[in-house]
């Protein structure tokens, strides 16, 4: 599946690698030029925006 079709703003995704592995949250923005995705996650009760590689996220159902 091409990166452009992988995730869209509003999709709920799971991070598959890196320090945020297994975190889940809605996509806030997709930067195809940088190959990055910003999503909102709950970290110890605090809502935070994280920036992760597009290759490290998968949509959840």
PDB file of N, CA and C in Angstrom:
ATOM      1  N   UNK A   1       0.851  -1.188   0.000  1.00  0.00           N
ATOM      2  CA  UNK A   1       0.000   0.000   0.000  1.00  0.00           C
ATOM      3  C   UNK A   1       0.888   1.239   0.000  1.00  0.00           C
ATOM      4  N   UNK A   2       0.670   2.184  -0.907  1.00  0.00           N
ATOM      5  CA  UNK A   2       1.492   3.399  -0.924  1.00  0.00           C
ATOM      6  C   UNK A   2       1.273   4.220   0.342  1.00  0.00           C
ATOM      7  N   UNK A   3       2.317   4.954   0.750  1.00  0.00           N
ATOM      8  CA  UNK A   3       2.227   5.767   1.968  1.00  0.00           C
ATOM      9  C   UNK A   3       1.051   6.726   1.948  1.00  0.00           C
ATOM     10  N   UNK A   4       0.719   7.281   0.768  1.00  0.00           N
ATOM     11  CA  UNK A   4      -0.361   8.255   0.680  1.00  0.00           C
ATOM     12  C   UNK A   4      -1.689   7.661   1.151  1.00  0.00           C
ATOM     13  N   UNK A   5      -1.884   6.357   0.945  1.00  0.00           N
ATOM     14  CA  UNK A   5      -3.153   5.714   1.290  1.00  0.00           C
ATOM     15  C   UNK A   5      -3.107   5.042   2.657  1.00  0.00           C
ATOM     16  N   UNK A   6      -1.965   5.063   3.312  1.00  0.00           N
ATOM     17  CA  UNK A   6      -1.790   4.323   4.559  1.00  0.00           C
ATOM     18  C   UNK A   6      -2.633   4.897   5.698  1.00  0.00           C
ATOM     19  N   UNK A   7      -2.522   6.173   5.951  1.00  0.00           N
ATOM     20  CA  UNK A   7      -3.307   6.808   7.016  1.00  0.00           C
ATOM     21  C   UNK A   7      -3.794   8.174   6.570  1.00  0.00           C
ATOM     22  N   UNK A   8      -4.885   8.591   7.173  1.00  0.00           N
ATOM     23  CA  UNK A   8      -5.458   9.912   6.904  1.00  0.00           C
ATOM     24  C   UNK A   8      -5.696  10.612   8.230  1.00  0.00           C
ATOM     25  N   UNK A   9      -5.839  11.913   8.171  1.00  0.00           N
ATOM     26  CA  UNK A   9      -6.156  12.690   9.363  1.00  0.00           C
ATOM     27  C   UNK A   9      -7.450  12.150   9.964  1.00  0.00           C
ATOM     28  N   UNK A  10      -7.427  11.906  11.259  1.00  0.00           N
ATOM     29  CA  UNK A  10      -8.591  11.389  11.958  1.00  0.00           C
ATOM     30  C   UNK A  10      -8.563   9.887  12.175  1.00  0.00           C
ATOM     31  N   UNK A  11      -7.763   9.150  11.377  1.00  0.00           N
ATOM     32  CA  UNK A  11      -7.637   7.707  11.587  1.00  0.00           C
ATOM     33  C   UNK A  11      -7.010   7.447  12.959  1.00  0.00           C
ATOM     34  N   UNK A  12      -7.465   6.410  13.629  1.00  0.00           N
ATOM     35  CA  UNK A  12      -6.817   5.980  14.872  1.00  0.00           C
ATOM     36  C   UNK A  12      -5.761   4.953  14.487  1.00  0.00           C
ATOM     37  N   UNK A  13      -4.532   5.194  14.933  1.00  0.00           N
ATOM     38  CA  UNK A  13      -3.408   4.335  14.574  1.00  0.00           C
ATOM     39  C   UNK A  13      -2.693   3.812  15.818  1.00  0.00           C
ATOM     40  N   UNK A  14      -1.917   2.750  15.609  1.00  0.00           N
ATOM     41  CA  UNK A  14      -1.062   2.187  16.650  1.00  0.00           C
ATOM     42  C   UNK A  14       0.373   2.336  16.184  1.00  0.00           C
ATOM     43  N   UNK A  15       1.248   2.784  17.081  1.00  0.00           N
ATOM     44  CA  UNK A  15       2.664   2.915  16.774  1.00  0.00           C
ATOM     45  C   UNK A  15       3.303   1.536  16.916  1.00  0.00           C
ATOM     46  N   UNK A  16       4.060   1.114  15.902  1.00  0.00           N
ATOM     47  CA  UNK A  16       4.617  -0.238  15.887  1.00  0.00           C
ATOM     48  C   UNK A  16       6.088  -0.312  16.258  1.00  0.00           C
ATOM     49  N   UNK A  17       6.767   0.819  16.340  1.00  0.00           N
ATOM     50  CA  UNK A  17       8.197   0.785  16.660  1.00  0.00           C
ATOM     51  C   UNK A  17       8.645   2.039  17.366  1.00  0.00           C
ATOM     52  N   UNK A  18       9.868   1.996  17.864  1.00  0.00           N
ATOM     53  CA  UNK A  18      10.443   3.146  18.534  1.00  0.00           C
ATOM     54  C   UNK A  18       9.975   3.284  19.971  1.00  0.00           C
ATOM     55  N   UNK A  19      10.309   4.396  20.598  1.00  0.00           N
ATOM     56  CA  UNK A  19       9.996   4.581  22.024  1.00  0.00           C
ATOM     57  C   UNK A  19       8.499   4.675  22.322  1.00  0.00           C
ATOM     58  N   UNK A  20       7.685   4.937  21.316  1.00  0.00           N
ATOM     59  CA  UNK A  20       6.236   5.047  21.528  1.00  0.00           C
ATOM     60  C   UNK A  20       5.481   3.805  21.047  1.00  0.00           C
ATOM     61  N   UNK A  21       6.177   2.685  20.867  1.00  0.00           N
ATOM     62  CA  UNK A  21       5.551   1.445  20.398  1.00  0.00           C
ATOM     63  C   UNK A  21       4.345   1.097  21.266  1.00  0.00           C
ATOM     64  N   UNK A  22       3.272   0.703  20.608  1.00  0.00           N
ATOM     65  CA  UNK A  22       2.004   0.289  21.209  1.00  0.00           C
ATOM     66  C   UNK A  22       1.125   1.443  21.700  1.00  0.00           C
ATOM     67  N   UNK A  23       1.576   2.676  21.566  1.00  0.00           N
ATOM     68  CA  UNK A  23       0.689   3.805  21.848  1.00  0.00           C
ATOM     69  C   UNK A  23      -0.313   3.902  20.711  1.00  0.00           C
ATOM     70  N   UNK A  24      -1.519   4.342  21.040  1.00  0.00           N
ATOM     71  CA  UNK A  24      -2.580   4.505  20.041  1.00  0.00           C
ATOM     72  C   UNK A  24      -3.150   5.910  20.143  1.00  0.00           C
ATOM     73  N   UNK A  25      -3.577   6.447  18.985  1.00  0.00           N
ATOM     74  CA  UNK A  25      -4.205   7.758  18.994  1.00  0.00           C
ATOM     75  C   UNK A  25      -4.616   8.188  17.605  1.00  0.00           C
ATOM     76  N   UNK A  26      -5.411   9.267  17.551  1.00  0.00           N
ATOM     77  CA  UNK A  26      -5.863   9.790  16.258  1.00  0.00           C
ATOM     78  C   UNK A  26      -4.773  10.614  15.568  1.00  0.00           C
ATOM     79  N   UNK A  27      -4.722  10.489  14.246  1.00  0.00           N
ATOM     80  CA  UNK A  27      -3.758  11.239  13.443  1.00  0.00           C
ATOM     81  C   UNK A  27      -4.216  12.689  13.340  1.00  0.00           C
ATOM     82  N   UNK A  28      -3.311  13.610  13.650  1.00  0.00           N
ATOM     83  CA  UNK A  28      -3.607  15.035  13.546  1.00  0.00           C
ATOM     84  C   UNK A  28      -3.087  15.630  12.259  1.00  0.00           C
ATOM     85  N   UNK A  29      -1.956  15.097  11.772  1.00  0.00           N
ATOM     86  CA  UNK A  29      -1.409  15.577  10.502  1.00  0.00           C
ATOM     87  C   UNK A  29      -0.494  14.520   9.909  1.00  0.00           C
ATOM     88  N   UNK A  30      -0.368  14.576   8.579  1.00  0.00           N
ATOM     89  CA  UNK A  30       0.501  13.673   7.839  1.00  0.00           C
ATOM     90  C   UNK A  30       1.408  14.537   6.977  1.00  0.00           C
ATOM     91  N   UNK A  31       2.723  14.349   7.105  1.00  0.00           N
ATOM     92  CA  UNK A  31       3.699  15.085   6.303  1.00  0.00           C
ATOM     93  C   UNK A  31       4.398  14.081   5.382  1.00  0.00           C
ATOM     94  N   UNK A  32       3.879  13.946   4.171  1.00  0.00           N
ATOM     95  CA  UNK A  32       4.436  12.967   3.235  1.00  0.00           C
ATOM     96  C   UNK A  32       5.855  13.331   2.809  1.00  0.00           C
ATOM     97  N   UNK A  33       6.164  14.614   2.761  1.00  0.00           N
ATOM     98  CA  UNK A  33       7.508  15.052   2.381  1.00  0.00           C
ATOM     99  C   UNK A  33       8.569  14.564   3.353  1.00  0.00           C
ATOM    100  N   UNK A  34       8.245  14.599   4.621  1.00  0.00           N
ATOM    101  CA  UNK A  34       9.168  14.137   5.666  1.00  0.00           C
ATOM    102  C   UNK A  34       8.920  12.681   6.051  1.00  0.00           C
ATOM    103  N   UNK A  35       7.795  12.122   5.605  1.00  0.00           N
ATOM    104  CA  UNK A  35       7.469  10.750   5.962  1.00  0.00           C
ATOM    105  C   UNK A  35       7.130  10.617   7.435  1.00  0.00           C
ATOM    106  N   UNK A  36       6.443  11.626   7.990  1.00  0.00           N
ATOM    107  CA  UNK A  36       6.136  11.667   9.415  1.00  0.00           C
ATOM    108  C   UNK A  36       4.639  11.841   9.636  1.00  0.00           C
ATOM    109  N   UNK A  37       4.187  11.410  10.804  1.00  0.00           N
ATOM    110  CA  UNK A  37       2.788  11.533  11.207  1.00  0.00           C
ATOM    111  C   UNK A  37       2.760  12.114  12.609  1.00  0.00           C
ATOM    112  N   UNK A  38       1.863  13.058  12.859  1.00  0.00           N
ATOM    113  CA  UNK A  38       1.651  13.563  14.213  1.00  0.00           C
ATOM    114  C   UNK A  38       0.355  12.967  14.729  1.00  0.00           C
ATOM    115  N   UNK A  39       0.404  12.456  15.965  1.00  0.00           N
ATOM    116  CA  UNK A  39      -0.803  11.934  16.570  1.00  0.00           C
ATOM    117  C   UNK A  39      -0.868  12.318  18.029  1.00  0.00           C
ATOM    118  N   UNK A  40      -2.077  12.262  18.569  1.00  0.00           N
ATOM    119  CA  UNK A  40      -2.327  12.615  19.956  1.00  0.00           C
ATOM    120  C   UNK A  40      -2.450  11.340  20.764  1.00  0.00           C
ATOM    121  N   UNK A  41      -1.663  11.251  21.838  1.00  0.00           N
ATOM    122  CA  UNK A  41      -1.680  10.059  22.684  1.00  0.00           C
ATOM    123  C   UNK A  41      -1.777  10.465  24.148  1.00  0.00           C
ATOM    124  N   UNK A  42      -2.197   9.518  24.969  1.00  0.00           N
ATOM    125  CA  UNK A  42      -2.265   9.718  26.415  1.00  0.00           C
ATOM    126  C   UNK A  42      -1.007   9.109  27.031  1.00  0.00           C
ATOM    127  N   UNK A  43      -0.156   9.956  27.600  1.00  0.00           N
ATOM    128  CA  UNK A  43       1.068   9.501  28.252  1.00  0.00           C
ATOM    129  C   UNK A  43       0.944   9.806  29.736  1.00  0.00           C
ATOM    130  N   UNK A  44       0.729   8.766  30.527  1.00  0.00           N
ATOM    131  CA  UNK A  44       0.591   8.893  31.982  1.00  0.00           C
ATOM    132  C   UNK A  44      -0.473   9.917  32.367  1.00  0.00           C
ATOM    133  N   UNK A  45      -1.599   9.874  31.669  1.00  0.00           N
ATOM    134  CA  UNK A  45      -2.713  10.757  31.987  1.00  0.00           C
ATOM    135  C   UNK A  45      -2.627  12.140  31.382  1.00  0.00           C
ATOM    136  N   UNK A  46      -1.580  12.419  30.625  1.00  0.00           N
ATOM    137  CA  UNK A  46      -1.403  13.724  29.996  1.00  0.00           C
ATOM    138  C   UNK A  46      -1.497  13.544  28.482  1.00  0.00           C
ATOM    139  N   UNK A  47      -2.361  14.316  27.836  1.00  0.00           N
ATOM    140  CA  UNK A  47      -2.515  14.227  26.386  1.00  0.00           C
ATOM    141  C   UNK A  47      -1.355  14.974  25.726  1.00  0.00           C
ATOM    142  N   UNK A  48      -0.636  14.259  24.863  1.00  0.00           N
ATOM    143  CA  UNK A  48       0.536  14.825  24.188  1.00  0.00           C
ATOM    144  C   UNK A  48       0.479  14.551  22.697  1.00  0.00           C
ATOM    145  N   UNK A  49       1.104  15.438  21.927  1.00  0.00           N
ATOM    146  CA  UNK A  49       1.244  15.234  20.491  1.00  0.00           C
ATOM    147  C   UNK A  49       2.632  14.681  20.241  1.00  0.00           C
ATOM    148  N   UNK A  50       2.697  13.566  19.507  1.00  0.00           N
ATOM    149  CA  UNK A  50       3.992  12.987  19.164  1.00  0.00           C
ATOM    150  C   UNK A  50       4.142  12.948  17.650  1.00  0.00           C
ATOM    151  N   UNK A  51       5.389  12.934  17.215  1.00  0.00           N
ATOM    152  CA  UNK A  51       5.731  12.918  15.796  1.00  0.00           C
ATOM    153  C   UNK A  51       6.530  11.644  15.548  1.00  0.00           C
ATOM    154  N   UNK A  52       5.996  10.751  14.715  1.00  0.00           N
ATOM    155  CA  UNK A  52       6.639   9.452  14.475  1.00  0.00           C
ATOM    156  C   UNK A  52       6.742   9.194  12.975  1.00  0.00           C
ATOM    157  N   UNK A  53       7.643   8.287  12.571  1.00  0.00           N
ATOM    158  CA  UNK A  53       7.738   7.946  11.155  1.00  0.00           C
ATOM    159  C   UNK A  53       6.451   7.302  10.647  1.00  0.00           C
ATOM    160  N   UNK A  54       6.066   7.644   9.448  1.00  0.00           N
ATOM    161  CA  UNK A  54       4.885   7.063   8.818  1.00  0.00           C
ATOM    162  C   UNK A  54       5.009   5.543   8.741  1.00  0.00           C
ATOM    163  N   UNK A  55       6.213   5.050   8.570  1.00  0.00           N
ATOM    164  CA  UNK A  55       6.433   3.603   8.475  1.00  0.00           C
ATOM    165  C   UNK A  55       6.207   2.881   9.800  1.00  0.00           C
ATOM    166  N   UNK A  56       6.102   3.633  10.904  1.00  0.00           N
ATOM    167  CA  UNK A  56       5.934   3.038  12.237  1.00  0.00           C
ATOM    168  C   UNK A  56       4.493   3.089  12.736  1.00  0.00           C
ATOM    169  N   UNK A  57       3.519   3.354  11.856  1.00  0.00           N
ATOM    170  CA  UNK A  57       2.121   3.372  12.298  1.00  0.00           C
ATOM    171  C   UNK A  57       1.273   2.476  11.405  1.00  0.00           C
ATOM    172  N   UNK A  58       0.254   1.870  12.041  1.00  0.00           N
ATOM    173  CA  UNK A  58      -0.744   1.088  11.307  1.00  0.00           C
ATOM    174  C   UNK A  58      -2.115   1.497  11.802  1.00  0.00           C
ATOM    175  N   UNK A  59      -3.065   1.509  10.884  1.00  0.00           N
ATOM    176  CA  UNK A  59      -4.445   1.823  11.268  1.00  0.00           C
ATOM    177  C   UNK A  59      -5.006   0.718  12.148  1.00  0.00           C
ATOM    178  N   UNK A  60      -5.831   1.107  13.108  1.00  0.00           N
ATOM    179  CA  UNK A  60      -6.527   0.118  13.934  1.00  0.00           C
ATOM    180  C   UNK A  60      -7.989   0.081  13.494  1.00  0.00           C
ATOM    181  N   UNK A  61      -8.632  -1.030  13.725  1.00  0.00           N
ATOM    182  CA  UNK A  61     -10.047  -1.159  13.335  1.00  0.00           C
ATOM    183  C   UNK A  61     -10.950  -0.957  14.516  1.00  0.00           C
TER     184      UNK A  61
END
